[in-house]
Amino acid sequence: MYYVYVLQSLKKTGWFYKGSTSDLRKRVKEHNAGNNFSTAPYKPLKLIYYEAYLLKKDTEAREKYLKTSMGKRVLKKQLKYFLLKIKSD
């Protein structure tokens, strides 16, 4: 199984990271341990969304799409109620 995931920074409001992996739990732990150059300054991080795929190619294509402006809009729409809850807290 392969996963596309979204992490939210608990340090910097409004900062999200999109990635993919075959071991989701391990990868989130690596991000929070500071093992990823892109996310280290923004830790701690919280897993807020993921999708599972059977094929690695599908996962890579979805990750690439979610990093586009259209993909960001789609993701924002999917997470609408979650993001509203964050603003109200």
Protein backbone atom coordinates (compact mmCIF):
# COMPACT_ATOMS: atom_id res chain seq x y z
CA MET A 1 0.00 0.00 0.00
CA TYR A 2 1.17 3.55 -0.78
CA TYR A 3 0.00 6.78 0.78
CA VAL A 4 -0.29 10.45 -0.12
CA TYR A 5 -0.43 12.54 3.02
CA VAL A 6 -0.78 16.09 4.29
CA LEU A 7 0.97 17.34 7.40
CA GLN A 8 0.07 20.53 9.24
CA SER A 9 2.63 22.54 11.18
CA LEU A 10 1.64 23.13 14.79
CA LYS A 11 4.31 25.85 14.91
CA LYS A 12 3.43 27.95 11.85
CA THR A 13 -0.25 28.61 11.19
CA GLY A 14 -1.40 27.82 7.67
CA TRP A 15 1.68 25.77 6.69
CA PHE A 16 1.03 22.36 5.12
CA TYR A 17 3.29 19.71 3.58
CA LYS A 18 2.24 17.13 1.01
CA GLY A 19 4.21 13.92 0.50
CA SER A 20 3.98 10.22 -0.31
CA THR A 21 5.31 7.04 1.27
CA SER A 22 4.81 3.30 1.62
CA ASP A 23 5.06 3.44 5.44
CA LEU A 24 2.92 6.31 6.72
CA ARG A 25 3.57 5.93 10.46
CA LYS A 26 7.32 5.72 9.98
CA ARG A 27 7.36 8.71 7.64
CA VAL A 28 5.40 10.96 10.01
CA LYS A 29 7.81 10.00 12.82
CA GLU A 30 10.75 10.88 10.56
CA HIS A 31 9.26 14.28 9.81
CA ASN A 32 8.72 15.00 13.50
CA ALA A 33 12.24 13.84 14.33
CA GLY A 34 13.58 16.52 11.99
CA ASN A 35 14.95 14.05 9.43
CA ASN A 36 13.41 15.95 6.50
CA PHE A 37 15.08 19.20 5.46
CA SER A 38 11.82 20.65 4.09
CA THR A 39 9.77 20.12 7.24
CA ALA A 40 12.31 20.37 10.09
CA PRO A 41 11.80 24.13 10.69
CA TYR A 42 8.02 23.63 10.99
CA LYS A 43 7.83 20.75 13.48
CA PRO A 44 5.96 19.55 15.37
CA LEU A 45 3.73 18.29 12.59
CA LYS A 46 0.32 16.68 12.68
CA LEU A 47 -1.05 14.23 10.09
CA ILE A 48 -4.37 15.74 8.98
CA TYR A 49 -5.16 13.85 5.77
CA TYR A 50 -4.12 10.81 3.76
CA GLU A 51 -5.20 8.69 0.81
CA ALA A 52 -4.20 5.06 0.16
CA TYR A 53 -3.30 3.60 -3.24
CA LEU A 54 -2.35 0.14 -4.46
CA LEU A 55 0.10 1.37 -7.10
CA LYS A 56 3.10 3.61 -6.51
CA LYS A 57 2.54 5.39 -9.86
CA ASP A 58 -0.96 6.43 -8.77
CA THR A 59 0.44 7.77 -5.51
CA GLU A 60 3.15 9.77 -7.28
CA ALA A 61 0.63 11.22 -9.76
CA ARG A 62 -1.74 12.24 -6.96
CA GLU A 63 1.04 13.87 -4.92
CA LYS A 64 2.18 15.81 -7.97
CA TYR A 65 -1.40 16.95 -8.61
CA LEU A 66 -1.98 18.05 -5.00
CA LYS A 67 1.09 20.26 -5.24
CA THR A 68 -0.39 22.20 -8.19
CA SER A 69 -2.58 25.27 -7.70
CA MET A 70 -5.68 23.31 -8.76
CA GLY A 71 -4.77 20.44 -6.44
CA LYS A 72 -4.32 22.87 -3.55
CA ARG A 73 -7.81 24.25 -4.19
CA VAL A 74 -9.32 20.76 -4.30
CA LEU A 75 -7.57 19.80 -1.06
CA LYS A 76 -8.69 23.03 0.60
CA LYS A 77 -12.27 22.22 -0.42
CA GLN A 78 -11.97 18.66 0.95
CA LEU A 79 -10.60 19.94 4.25
CA LYS A 80 -13.03 22.86 4.44
CA TYR A 81 -14.66 21.91 7.76
CA PHE A 82 -11.36 20.93 9.35
CA LEU A 83 -9.80 24.25 8.39
CA LEU A 84 -12.83 26.16 9.68
CA LYS A 85 -12.54 24.33 13.00
CA ILE A 86 -8.89 25.40 13.29
CA LYS A 87 -9.84 29.05 12.74
CA SER A 88 -12.55 28.92 15.40
CA ASP A 89 -10.26 27.34 18.06
